[in-house]
């Protein structure tokens, strides 16, 4: 918490840009501090161009630091999809004892 505000980091595939923006808006209007991704590599077609394998490793690490700063994570799992990076973030959040919420019902 920062003051009276819960801090929530959004996790999920960057192909779901519209869902990220909608959830960010919703959670913000509910009175939360929302931390999101820095860019939408899949949705914006940046993988293979601007995003090298080394940059991808850095971005994954940065996102885990965002989780460190958060009270909880919110997983954007549209159509139930959870990719490898997101799975890694969920596992990291579990180890860090963070609360985990999902866009769609999820059976762990």
Protein backbone atom coordinates (compact mmCIF):
# COMPACT_ATOMS: atom_id res chain seq x y z
CA UNK A 1 0.00 0.00 0.00
CA UNK A 2 1.07 3.50 -0.70
CA UNK A 3 -0.93 5.64 1.66
CA UNK A 4 -4.43 4.27 1.37
CA UNK A 5 -3.91 2.96 -2.16
CA UNK A 6 -3.24 -0.66 -3.09
CA UNK A 7 -0.51 -1.16 -5.71
CA UNK A 8 -1.37 -3.67 -8.46
CA UNK A 9 0.90 -4.85 -11.27
CA UNK A 10 -0.74 -6.08 -14.45
CA UNK A 11 0.69 -9.28 -15.94
CA UNK A 12 -0.17 -11.09 -19.14
CA UNK A 13 0.60 -11.39 -22.81
CA UNK A 14 1.23 -8.06 -24.49
CA UNK A 15 -0.96 -9.26 -27.38
CA UNK A 16 -3.91 -8.24 -25.15
CA UNK A 17 -3.25 -4.49 -25.32
CA UNK A 18 -6.93 -3.48 -25.31
CA UNK A 19 -7.61 -5.60 -22.24
CA UNK A 20 -4.56 -4.17 -20.43
CA UNK A 21 -5.78 -0.62 -21.07
CA UNK A 22 -9.35 -1.42 -19.99
CA UNK A 23 -8.27 -3.17 -16.76
CA UNK A 24 -5.79 -0.38 -16.00
CA UNK A 25 -8.60 2.16 -16.31
CA UNK A 26 -11.03 0.09 -14.23
CA UNK A 27 -8.57 -0.58 -11.39
CA UNK A 28 -7.45 3.05 -11.35
CA UNK A 29 -11.04 4.28 -11.07
CA UNK A 30 -11.50 1.85 -8.17
CA UNK A 31 -8.73 3.72 -6.32
CA UNK A 32 -5.64 1.60 -7.00
CA UNK A 33 -2.16 2.48 -8.16
CA UNK A 34 -1.68 0.41 -11.31
CA UNK A 35 1.69 -0.60 -12.74
CA UNK A 36 1.57 -1.95 -16.27
CA UNK A 37 3.93 -3.11 -18.99
CA UNK A 38 6.28 -0.58 -20.56
CA UNK A 39 5.35 -1.55 -24.12
CA UNK A 40 3.15 -3.96 -26.03
CA UNK A 41 5.71 -5.97 -27.97
CA UNK A 42 3.27 -8.51 -29.38
CA UNK A 43 0.36 -6.17 -30.12
CA UNK A 44 2.63 -3.54 -31.66
CA UNK A 45 4.73 -6.05 -33.61
CA UNK A 46 8.04 -5.09 -31.97
CA UNK A 47 9.40 -8.61 -31.37
CA UNK A 48 12.13 -9.42 -33.87
CA UNK A 49 12.72 -5.73 -34.57
CA UNK A 50 13.34 -3.55 -31.52
CA UNK A 51 13.11 -6.35 -28.96
CA UNK A 52 16.15 -8.59 -29.07
CA UNK A 53 16.47 -11.70 -26.86
CA UNK A 54 18.69 -9.67 -24.49
CA UNK A 55 16.11 -6.90 -24.21
CA UNK A 56 13.37 -9.50 -23.60
CA UNK A 57 15.37 -10.87 -20.63
CA UNK A 58 15.75 -7.32 -19.29
CA UNK A 59 12.03 -6.56 -19.71
CA UNK A 60 11.09 -9.77 -17.88
CA UNK A 61 13.41 -8.82 -15.01
CA UNK A 62 12.03 -5.27 -14.86
CA UNK A 63 8.52 -6.69 -14.63
CA UNK A 64 9.53 -8.82 -11.65
CA UNK A 65 10.86 -5.68 -9.95
CA UNK A 66 7.42 -4.12 -10.54
CA UNK A 67 5.89 -7.15 -8.81
CA UNK A 68 8.28 -6.54 -5.89
CA UNK A 69 6.78 -3.05 -5.49
CA UNK A 70 3.19 -4.33 -5.60
CA UNK A 71 0.67 -5.62 -3.13
CA UNK A 72 -0.81 -7.90 -5.75
CA UNK A 73 -0.83 -8.83 -9.41
CA UNK A 74 -3.72 -8.91 -11.83
CA UNK A 75 -3.33 -11.43 -14.64
CA UNK A 76 -4.80 -10.57 -18.04
CA UNK A 77 -5.64 -14.13 -19.14
CA UNK A 78 -8.00 -13.50 -22.04
CA UNK A 79 -9.49 -16.76 -23.35
CA UNK A 80 -7.56 -18.48 -20.55
CA UNK A 81 -4.22 -17.79 -22.23
CA UNK A 82 -1.16 -17.62 -19.96
CA UNK A 83 2.21 -17.68 -21.75
CA UNK A 84 5.60 -18.68 -20.39
CA UNK A 85 6.62 -15.18 -19.23
CA UNK A 86 3.33 -14.72 -17.43
CA UNK A 87 3.62 -18.17 -15.83
CA UNK A 88 7.04 -17.13 -14.56
CA UNK A 89 5.59 -13.89 -13.14
CA UNK A 90 2.77 -15.78 -11.40
CA UNK A 91 5.27 -18.21 -9.85
CA UNK A 92 7.40 -15.25 -8.74
CA UNK A 93 4.35 -13.55 -7.19
CA UNK A 94 3.39 -16.74 -5.36
CA UNK A 95 6.90 -17.02 -3.86
CA UNK A 96 6.71 -13.36 -2.86
CA UNK A 97 3.33 -14.04 -1.22
CA UNK A 98 1.47 -11.54 -3.39
CA UNK A 99 -2.29 -11.69 -3.95
CA UNK A 100 -3.14 -12.90 -7.45
CA UNK A 101 -6.31 -11.99 -9.31
CA UNK A 102 -7.31 -12.93 -12.85
CA UNK A 103 -9.34 -11.30 -15.59
CA UNK A 104 -11.06 -14.61 -16.32
CA UNK A 105 -11.73 -17.53 -14.00
CA UNK A 106 -8.57 -19.53 -13.45
CA UNK A 107 -8.06 -22.92 -11.88
CA UNK A 108 -4.50 -23.14 -10.60
